[in-house]
Each structure stands twice: as structure tokens, then as C-alpha cells.
């Protein structure tokens, strides 16, 4: 046998020995019978649980106002009521040359109505052509159509 084959055989023997020790000391009780299910969980400290709800159900909101004329689709998905489909429609409209001057302009997108615009409005900003040159950001709640 070559040195590599001997080393491989040694690793296999070591793994079998470790498996046998785990079985004997962790999985079997002193009589040789299988331990009761859940015995190990009773001995381990409980895991810290911040929130029992799954990660997907936790609402995520943007940490800063978003400009729907320039932010990417994954950022648009942070807006309340906007999923991947609506975010994609907004990005597609931008690609066609649509510019959103205020929150109500988003109603041009299929699936976005007045209620959804009202929910999104606090999280939106619009950088207009005249305010972009001066660097002033205008919030959606102060703009009019």
C-alpha cells in the first residue's frame, strides 16, 4: 500500500472509532439501550430567541427616504406594500423614461393605487430637475402634482 492509501485507511479507522465512542457514551444509556428522545436538549442551555416570528414575516422598512427615480428594485421592496413585481414595474417604467415628480405619479404603475401611495409617501423623496442642481431634497408629503 502506498503512503496515501495508508493515511486514508487510518482516517477511516479513526472516524469509525469516534462514531463508536459517540454511540456508546452519547446515544446509549448504561444498560446499552437507546436513550430517550430529547435527552440531549434537556442538558443543553436554551438558545436565545429574539423574536419567534420567522424572518420573512417581520416587516422591513427603509431606514432613509427613497427616491423612486433612482433607487434599485431591492430597495423599492422595502417600501410598505411593494413586492418584487411592483418594484420591477417601477424600474421598467424608469427604463422607458418615466420620471416620478411626486408620490401620486406612482399611480401610473399598474397595481399602485391611492391607498398604497398614501402608505408609501412617508418613505419617499423626489429629487426634481430644479432641486437636483441646488442639492435640495424635497419630501413627497410637501410636493403637489
N, C-alpha and C. Protein backbone atom coordinates (compact mmCIF):
# COMPACT_ATOMS: atom_id res chain seq x y z
N UNK A 1 0.84 -1.18 0.00
CA UNK A 1 0.00 0.00 0.00
C UNK A 1 0.88 1.25 0.00
N UNK A 2 0.38 2.24 -0.68
CA UNK A 2 1.13 3.49 -0.71
C UNK A 2 0.86 4.27 0.58
N UNK A 3 1.66 5.29 0.75
CA UNK A 3 1.52 6.11 1.97
C UNK A 3 0.15 6.80 2.01
N UNK A 4 -0.32 7.24 0.84
CA UNK A 4 -1.62 7.91 0.76
C UNK A 4 -2.76 6.94 1.12
N UNK A 5 -2.68 5.71 0.66
CA UNK A 5 -3.69 4.70 0.98
C UNK A 5 -3.69 4.39 2.47
N UNK A 6 -2.52 4.30 3.06
CA UNK A 6 -2.43 4.05 4.50
C UNK A 6 -3.03 5.20 5.30
N UNK A 7 -2.75 6.41 4.86
CA UNK A 7 -3.32 7.57 5.53
C UNK A 7 -4.85 7.56 5.42
N UNK A 8 -5.37 7.24 4.25
CA UNK A 8 -6.82 7.15 4.05
C UNK A 8 -7.44 6.09 4.93
N UNK A 9 -6.81 4.94 5.01
CA UNK A 9 -7.30 3.85 5.86
C UNK A 9 -7.27 4.27 7.32
N UNK A 10 -6.23 5.00 7.72
CA UNK A 10 -6.14 5.48 9.10
C UNK A 10 -7.27 6.45 9.43
N UNK A 11 -7.59 7.33 8.49
CA UNK A 11 -8.69 8.27 8.70
C UNK A 11 -10.01 7.53 8.84
N UNK A 12 -10.23 6.53 8.01
CA UNK A 12 -11.47 5.74 8.09
C UNK A 12 -11.57 5.05 9.44
N UNK A 13 -10.50 4.44 9.89
CA UNK A 13 -10.49 3.76 11.19
C UNK A 13 -10.75 4.76 12.31
N UNK A 14 -10.15 5.93 12.24
CA UNK A 14 -10.35 6.96 13.25
C UNK A 14 -11.82 7.41 13.29
N UNK A 15 -12.41 7.63 12.12
CA UNK A 15 -13.82 8.03 12.07
C UNK A 15 -14.74 6.96 12.63
N UNK A 16 -14.44 5.70 12.34
CA UNK A 16 -15.25 4.61 12.89
C UNK A 16 -15.12 4.55 14.41
N UNK A 17 -13.93 4.75 14.93
CA UNK A 17 -13.71 4.73 16.38
C UNK A 17 -14.45 5.89 17.05
N UNK A 18 -14.37 7.06 16.46
CA UNK A 18 -15.08 8.21 17.04
C UNK A 18 -16.59 7.97 17.01
N UNK A 19 -17.10 7.43 15.91
CA UNK A 19 -18.53 7.12 15.82
C UNK A 19 -18.96 6.12 16.87
N UNK A 20 -18.12 5.13 17.12
CA UNK A 20 -18.43 4.12 18.14
C UNK A 20 -18.45 4.74 19.53
N UNK A 21 -17.51 5.65 19.81
CA UNK A 21 -17.49 6.33 21.11
C UNK A 21 -18.71 7.23 21.28
N UNK A 22 -19.09 7.93 20.25
CA UNK A 22 -20.29 8.78 20.32
C UNK A 22 -21.50 7.92 20.61
N UNK A 23 -21.61 6.80 19.89
CA UNK A 23 -22.76 5.91 20.11
C UNK A 23 -22.78 5.38 21.52
N UNK A 24 -21.63 4.98 22.02
CA UNK A 24 -21.58 4.36 23.35
C UNK A 24 -21.84 5.35 24.47
N UNK A 25 -21.24 6.55 24.40
CA UNK A 25 -21.33 7.49 25.51
C UNK A 25 -22.45 8.52 25.37
N UNK A 26 -22.93 8.76 24.16
CA UNK A 26 -23.96 9.77 23.99
C UNK A 26 -25.32 9.19 23.62
N UNK A 27 -25.34 8.14 22.82
CA UNK A 27 -26.61 7.64 22.32
C UNK A 27 -27.17 6.46 23.10
N UNK A 28 -26.31 5.73 23.80
CA UNK A 28 -26.77 4.58 24.58
C UNK A 28 -26.66 4.88 26.06
N UNK A 29 -27.61 4.35 26.85
CA UNK A 29 -27.51 4.53 28.31
C UNK A 29 -26.63 3.43 28.90
N UNK A 30 -26.56 3.36 30.22
CA UNK A 30 -25.64 2.42 30.88
C UNK A 30 -26.02 0.96 30.63
N UNK A 31 -27.29 0.68 30.30
CA UNK A 31 -27.71 -0.70 30.04
C UNK A 31 -27.52 -1.09 28.59
N UNK A 32 -27.13 -0.15 27.73
CA UNK A 32 -26.95 -0.45 26.32
C UNK A 32 -28.18 -0.18 25.48
N UNK A 33 -29.22 0.35 26.10
CA UNK A 33 -30.45 0.68 25.35
C UNK A 33 -30.34 2.11 24.84
N UNK A 34 -31.13 2.40 23.78
CA UNK A 34 -31.13 3.76 23.24
C UNK A 34 -31.69 4.72 24.27
N UNK A 35 -31.07 5.88 24.36
CA UNK A 35 -31.57 6.91 25.27
C UNK A 35 -32.92 7.43 24.78
N UNK A 36 -33.65 8.08 25.70
CA UNK A 36 -34.95 8.65 25.34
C UNK A 36 -34.74 9.83 24.40
N UNK A 37 -35.69 10.02 23.47
CA UNK A 37 -35.57 11.19 22.58
C UNK A 37 -35.65 12.48 23.39
N UNK A 38 -34.84 13.44 23.04
CA UNK A 38 -34.87 14.72 23.71
C UNK A 38 -33.98 14.82 24.94
N UNK A 39 -33.25 13.77 25.28
CA UNK A 39 -32.42 13.84 26.48
C UNK A 39 -31.29 14.85 26.34
N UNK A 40 -30.77 14.99 25.14
CA UNK A 40 -29.67 15.92 24.93
C UNK A 40 -30.15 17.37 25.02
N UNK A 41 -31.34 17.68 24.47
CA UNK A 41 -31.88 19.03 24.53
C UNK A 41 -32.10 19.48 25.97
N UNK A 42 -32.43 18.53 26.85
CA UNK A 42 -32.66 18.88 28.25
C UNK A 42 -31.35 19.29 28.94
N UNK A 43 -30.23 18.80 28.44
CA UNK A 43 -28.94 19.12 29.06
C UNK A 43 -28.27 20.36 28.46
N UNK A 44 -28.70 20.78 27.28
CA UNK A 44 -28.11 21.95 26.63
C UNK A 44 -28.81 23.22 27.09
N UNK A 45 -28.08 24.35 27.15
CA UNK A 45 -28.74 25.61 27.50
C UNK A 45 -29.68 26.03 26.37
N UNK A 46 -30.78 26.68 26.71
CA UNK A 46 -31.72 27.08 25.66
C UNK A 46 -31.10 28.14 24.75
N UNK A 47 -31.48 28.08 23.49
CA UNK A 47 -30.99 29.07 22.53
C UNK A 47 -31.73 30.39 22.76
N UNK A 48 -31.02 31.51 22.66
CA UNK A 48 -31.71 32.79 22.82
C UNK A 48 -32.64 33.04 21.62
N UNK A 49 -33.85 33.45 21.91
CA UNK A 49 -34.83 33.70 20.86
C UNK A 49 -35.24 35.16 20.97
N UNK A 50 -34.88 35.94 19.94
CA UNK A 50 -35.25 37.35 19.93
C UNK A 50 -36.71 37.53 19.56
N UNK A 51 -37.11 36.87 18.50
CA UNK A 51 -38.46 37.02 18.01
C UNK A 51 -38.90 35.68 17.45
N UNK A 52 -40.01 35.12 17.95
CA UNK A 52 -40.42 33.81 17.48
C UNK A 52 -40.95 33.80 16.05
N UNK A 53 -41.28 34.97 15.51
CA UNK A 53 -41.78 35.03 14.14
C UNK A 53 -40.66 34.75 13.16
N UNK A 54 -40.95 34.10 12.05
CA UNK A 54 -39.91 33.89 11.06
C UNK A 54 -39.44 35.22 10.47
N UNK A 55 -38.22 35.21 9.95
CA UNK A 55 -37.60 36.43 9.41
C UNK A 55 -38.44 37.05 8.31
N UNK A 56 -39.07 36.25 7.49
CA UNK A 56 -39.82 36.75 6.33
C UNK A 56 -41.05 37.56 6.77
N UNK A 57 -41.67 37.22 7.92
CA UNK A 57 -42.89 37.91 8.31
C UNK A 57 -42.62 39.23 9.02
N UNK A 58 -41.39 39.47 9.39
CA UNK A 58 -41.05 40.71 10.07
C UNK A 58 -41.03 41.85 9.05
N UNK A 59 -41.85 42.90 9.25
CA UNK A 59 -41.86 43.97 8.26
C UNK A 59 -40.55 44.75 8.28
N UNK A 60 -40.02 45.00 7.09
CA UNK A 60 -38.80 45.80 6.96
C UNK A 60 -39.18 47.11 6.31
N UNK A 61 -38.69 48.17 6.84
CA UNK A 61 -38.95 49.50 6.28
C UNK A 61 -37.63 50.16 5.97
N UNK A 62 -37.63 51.08 5.01
CA UNK A 62 -36.37 51.77 4.69
C UNK A 62 -35.90 52.61 5.86
N UNK A 63 -34.58 52.68 6.03
CA UNK A 63 -34.01 53.48 7.11
C UNK A 63 -33.88 54.95 6.73
N UNK A 64 -33.93 55.23 5.46
CA UNK A 64 -33.87 56.61 4.95
C UNK A 64 -34.86 56.73 3.81
N UNK A 65 -35.35 57.93 3.53
CA UNK A 65 -36.29 58.09 2.41
C UNK A 65 -35.65 57.66 1.09
N UNK A 66 -36.48 57.07 0.23
CA UNK A 66 -36.01 56.55 -1.05
C UNK A 66 -36.52 57.42 -2.20
N UNK A 67 -35.69 57.60 -3.21
CA UNK A 67 -36.10 58.29 -4.42
C UNK A 67 -36.48 57.23 -5.45
N UNK A 68 -37.77 57.11 -5.79
CA UNK A 68 -38.17 56.05 -6.73
C UNK A 68 -37.61 56.24 -8.13
N UNK A 69 -37.02 57.40 -8.42
CA UNK A 69 -36.42 57.65 -9.72
C UNK A 69 -35.02 57.08 -9.85
N UNK A 70 -34.40 56.72 -8.72
CA UNK A 70 -33.01 56.28 -8.82
C UNK A 70 -32.67 55.04 -8.00
N UNK A 71 -33.48 54.65 -7.02
CA UNK A 71 -33.07 53.52 -6.17
C UNK A 71 -33.35 52.19 -6.87
N UNK A 72 -32.55 51.16 -6.54
CA UNK A 72 -32.70 49.86 -7.19
C UNK A 72 -33.96 49.13 -6.71
N UNK A 73 -34.32 48.08 -7.43
CA UNK A 73 -35.54 47.33 -7.14
C UNK A 73 -35.54 46.73 -5.74
N UNK A 74 -34.39 46.22 -5.27
CA UNK A 74 -34.38 45.62 -3.94
C UNK A 74 -34.62 46.65 -2.84
N UNK A 75 -34.24 47.89 -3.07
CA UNK A 75 -34.54 48.96 -2.11
C UNK A 75 -36.01 49.33 -2.17
N UNK A 76 -36.58 49.33 -3.36
CA UNK A 76 -38.01 49.64 -3.50
C UNK A 76 -38.87 48.62 -2.77
N UNK A 77 -38.40 47.38 -2.68
CA UNK A 77 -39.15 46.33 -1.99
C UNK A 77 -39.26 46.59 -0.49
N UNK A 78 -38.45 47.49 0.06
CA UNK A 78 -38.56 47.84 1.47
C UNK A 78 -39.76 48.73 1.75
N UNK A 79 -40.30 49.35 0.73
CA UNK A 79 -41.46 50.22 0.91
C UNK A 79 -42.68 49.37 1.27
N UNK A 80 -43.56 49.88 2.14
CA UNK A 80 -44.73 49.09 2.53
C UNK A 80 -45.63 48.83 1.32
N UNK A 81 -45.99 47.56 1.13
CA UNK A 81 -46.88 47.18 0.05
C UNK A 81 -46.20 46.94 -1.28
N UNK A 82 -44.90 47.12 -1.35
CA UNK A 82 -44.18 46.92 -2.62
C UNK A 82 -43.41 45.60 -2.54
N UNK A 83 -43.73 44.71 -3.46
CA UNK A 83 -43.02 43.44 -3.56
C UNK A 83 -42.16 43.43 -4.81
N UNK A 84 -41.63 42.27 -5.15
CA UNK A 84 -40.76 42.18 -6.31
C UNK A 84 -41.45 42.59 -7.62
N UNK A 85 -42.73 42.25 -7.76
CA UNK A 85 -43.43 42.57 -9.02
C UNK A 85 -43.59 44.07 -9.20
N UNK A 86 -44.08 44.77 -8.16
CA UNK A 86 -44.27 46.22 -8.28
C UNK A 86 -42.94 46.95 -8.39
N UNK A 87 -41.93 46.48 -7.66
CA UNK A 87 -40.61 47.10 -7.77
C UNK A 87 -40.08 46.96 -9.20
N UNK A 88 -40.30 45.80 -9.80
CA UNK A 88 -39.87 45.59 -11.18
C UNK A 88 -40.62 46.49 -12.15
N UNK A 89 -41.92 46.71 -11.89
CA UNK A 89 -42.70 47.60 -12.77
C UNK A 89 -42.21 49.05 -12.66
N UNK A 90 -41.82 49.47 -11.46
CA UNK A 90 -41.31 50.84 -11.29
C UNK A 90 -39.99 50.99 -12.04
N UNK A 91 -39.12 50.01 -11.89
CA UNK A 91 -37.83 50.05 -12.58
C UNK A 91 -38.04 50.02 -14.10
N UNK A 92 -38.99 49.20 -14.57
CA UNK A 92 -39.27 49.14 -16.01
C UNK A 92 -39.79 50.47 -16.52
N UNK A 93 -40.65 51.13 -15.73
CA UNK A 93 -41.17 52.44 -16.14
C UNK A 93 -40.03 53.45 -16.23
N UNK A 94 -39.11 53.41 -15.28
CA UNK A 94 -37.95 54.31 -15.34
C UNK A 94 -37.13 54.05 -16.59
N UNK A 95 -36.98 52.77 -16.94
CA UNK A 95 -36.20 52.43 -18.14
C UNK A 95 -36.86 52.96 -19.40
N UNK A 96 -38.19 53.08 -19.38
CA UNK A 96 -38.91 53.63 -20.52
C UNK A 96 -38.89 55.15 -20.52
N UNK A 97 -38.29 55.77 -19.52
CA UNK A 97 -38.16 57.22 -19.48
C UNK A 97 -39.17 57.93 -18.59
N UNK A 98 -39.96 57.19 -17.82
CA UNK A 98 -40.94 57.81 -16.92
C UNK A 98 -40.19 58.42 -15.74
N UNK A 99 -40.53 59.66 -15.38
CA UNK A 99 -39.94 60.33 -14.22
C UNK A 99 -41.07 60.62 -13.24
N UNK A 100 -40.86 60.27 -11.99
CA UNK A 100 -41.86 60.48 -10.95
C UNK A 100 -41.53 61.79 -10.23
N UNK A 101 -42.42 62.76 -10.35
CA UNK A 101 -42.20 64.06 -9.72
C UNK A 101 -42.80 64.10 -8.32
N UNK A 102 -43.80 63.28 -8.05
CA UNK A 102 -44.42 63.23 -6.72
C UNK A 102 -44.98 61.83 -6.51
N UNK A 103 -45.44 61.59 -5.31
CA UNK A 103 -45.92 60.25 -4.95
C UNK A 103 -47.11 59.84 -5.81
N UNK A 104 -47.98 60.79 -6.14
CA UNK A 104 -49.16 60.45 -6.94
C UNK A 104 -48.80 59.95 -8.34
N UNK A 105 -47.64 60.34 -8.84
CA UNK A 105 -47.21 59.87 -10.16
C UNK A 105 -47.00 58.35 -10.18
N UNK A 106 -46.76 57.76 -9.02
CA UNK A 106 -46.57 56.31 -8.95
C UNK A 106 -47.86 55.55 -9.27
N UNK A 107 -49.00 56.23 -9.22
CA UNK A 107 -50.27 55.58 -9.55
C UNK A 107 -50.35 55.20 -11.02
N UNK A 108 -49.43 55.70 -11.84
CA UNK A 108 -49.38 55.31 -13.24
C UNK A 108 -48.95 53.85 -13.39
N UNK A 109 -48.33 53.31 -12.36
CA UNK A 109 -47.87 51.92 -12.38
C UNK A 109 -49.06 51.02 -12.06
N UNK A 110 -49.28 50.00 -12.88
CA UNK A 110 -50.37 49.07 -12.65
C UNK A 110 -50.16 48.37 -11.31
N UNK A 111 -51.17 48.41 -10.44
CA UNK A 111 -51.10 47.78 -9.13
C UNK A 111 -50.86 48.76 -8.01
N UNK A 112 -50.57 50.01 -8.33
CA UNK A 112 -50.37 51.03 -7.30
C UNK A 112 -51.54 52.00 -7.35
N UNK A 113 -52.28 52.04 -6.25
CA UNK A 113 -53.44 52.92 -6.17
C UNK A 113 -53.25 53.98 -5.11
N UNK A 114 -54.29 54.77 -4.84
CA UNK A 114 -54.18 55.87 -3.88
C UNK A 114 -53.83 55.41 -2.46
N UNK A 115 -54.40 54.28 -2.03
CA UNK A 115 -54.10 53.81 -0.67
C UNK A 115 -52.63 53.41 -0.52
N UNK A 116 -52.13 52.72 -1.51
CA UNK A 116 -50.72 52.29 -1.46
C UNK A 116 -49.80 53.50 -1.50
N UNK A 117 -50.13 54.48 -2.33
CA UNK A 117 -49.32 55.71 -2.39
C UNK A 117 -49.33 56.39 -1.02
N UNK A 118 -50.48 56.40 -0.36
CA UNK A 118 -50.57 57.02 0.96
C UNK A 118 -49.70 56.30 1.98
N UNK A 119 -49.63 54.96 1.89
CA UNK A 119 -48.78 54.19 2.81
C UNK A 119 -47.30 54.41 2.53
N UNK A 120 -46.93 54.58 1.26
CA UNK A 120 -45.52 54.74 0.90
C UNK A 120 -45.00 56.16 1.09
N UNK A 121 -45.89 57.13 1.04
CA UNK A 121 -45.50 58.53 0.98
C UNK A 121 -44.49 58.97 2.05
N UNK A 122 -44.61 58.54 3.31
CA UNK A 122 -43.62 58.98 4.30
C UNK A 122 -42.20 58.48 4.04
N UNK A 123 -42.06 57.47 3.20
CA UNK A 123 -40.74 56.87 2.94
C UNK A 123 -40.15 57.29 1.60
N UNK A 124 -40.77 58.26 0.95
CA UNK A 124 -40.32 58.67 -0.38
C UNK A 124 -39.79 60.10 -0.40
N UNK A 125 -38.81 60.33 -1.24
CA UNK A 125 -38.33 61.68 -1.55
C UNK A 125 -38.22 61.75 -3.07
N UNK A 126 -38.34 62.96 -3.60
CA UNK A 126 -38.25 63.16 -5.04
C UNK A 126 -37.26 64.28 -5.30
N UNK A 127 -36.27 63.97 -6.10
CA UNK A 127 -35.28 64.97 -6.47
C UNK A 127 -35.70 65.48 -7.84
N UNK A 128 -36.23 66.71 -7.86
CA UNK A 128 -36.70 67.29 -9.13
C UNK A 128 -35.55 67.84 -9.93
N UNK A 129 -35.83 68.22 -11.17
CA UNK A 129 -34.79 68.76 -12.06
C UNK A 129 -34.22 70.06 -11.50
N UNK A 130 -35.09 70.94 -10.94
CA UNK A 130 -34.59 72.21 -10.42
C UNK A 130 -33.97 72.04 -9.04
N UNK A 131 -34.47 71.10 -8.21
CA UNK A 131 -33.89 70.93 -6.88
C UNK A 131 -32.63 70.07 -6.92
N UNK A 132 -32.44 69.29 -8.00
CA UNK A 132 -31.25 68.45 -8.08
C UNK A 132 -30.01 69.30 -8.26
N UNK A 133 -30.13 70.40 -9.00
CA UNK A 133 -28.96 71.24 -9.22
C UNK A 133 -28.55 71.98 -7.95
N UNK A 134 -29.52 72.31 -7.09
CA UNK A 134 -29.18 73.01 -5.86
C UNK A 134 -28.90 72.06 -4.71
N UNK A 135 -29.15 70.75 -4.92
CA UNK A 135 -28.86 69.77 -3.89
C UNK A 135 -29.94 69.70 -2.83
N UNK A 136 -31.11 70.25 -3.04
CA UNK A 136 -32.19 70.23 -2.06
C UNK A 136 -33.03 69.00 -2.32
N UNK A 137 -33.32 68.24 -1.28
CA UNK A 137 -34.19 67.08 -1.38
C UNK A 137 -35.56 67.49 -0.92
N UNK A 138 -36.56 67.16 -1.67
CA UNK A 138 -37.92 67.56 -1.38
C UNK A 138 -38.71 66.31 -1.01
N UNK A 139 -39.41 66.34 0.14
CA UNK A 139 -40.15 65.15 0.55
C UNK A 139 -41.44 65.06 -0.23
N UNK A 140 -41.95 63.84 -0.34
CA UNK A 140 -43.16 63.61 -1.11
C UNK A 140 -44.36 64.27 -0.46
N UNK A 141 -44.36 64.40 0.86
CA UNK A 141 -45.53 64.96 1.52
C UNK A 141 -45.65 66.47 1.26
N UNK A 142 -44.58 67.13 0.82
CA UNK A 142 -44.66 68.57 0.57
C UNK A 142 -44.78 68.89 -0.90
N UNK A 143 -44.77 67.86 -1.76
CA UNK A 143 -44.90 68.14 -3.18
C UNK A 143 -46.35 68.02 -3.60
N UNK A 144 -46.68 68.71 -4.66
CA UNK A 144 -48.02 68.62 -5.23
C UNK A 144 -47.87 68.28 -6.69
N UNK A 145 -48.91 67.77 -7.23
CA UNK A 145 -48.88 67.34 -8.62
C UNK A 145 -49.13 68.47 -9.57
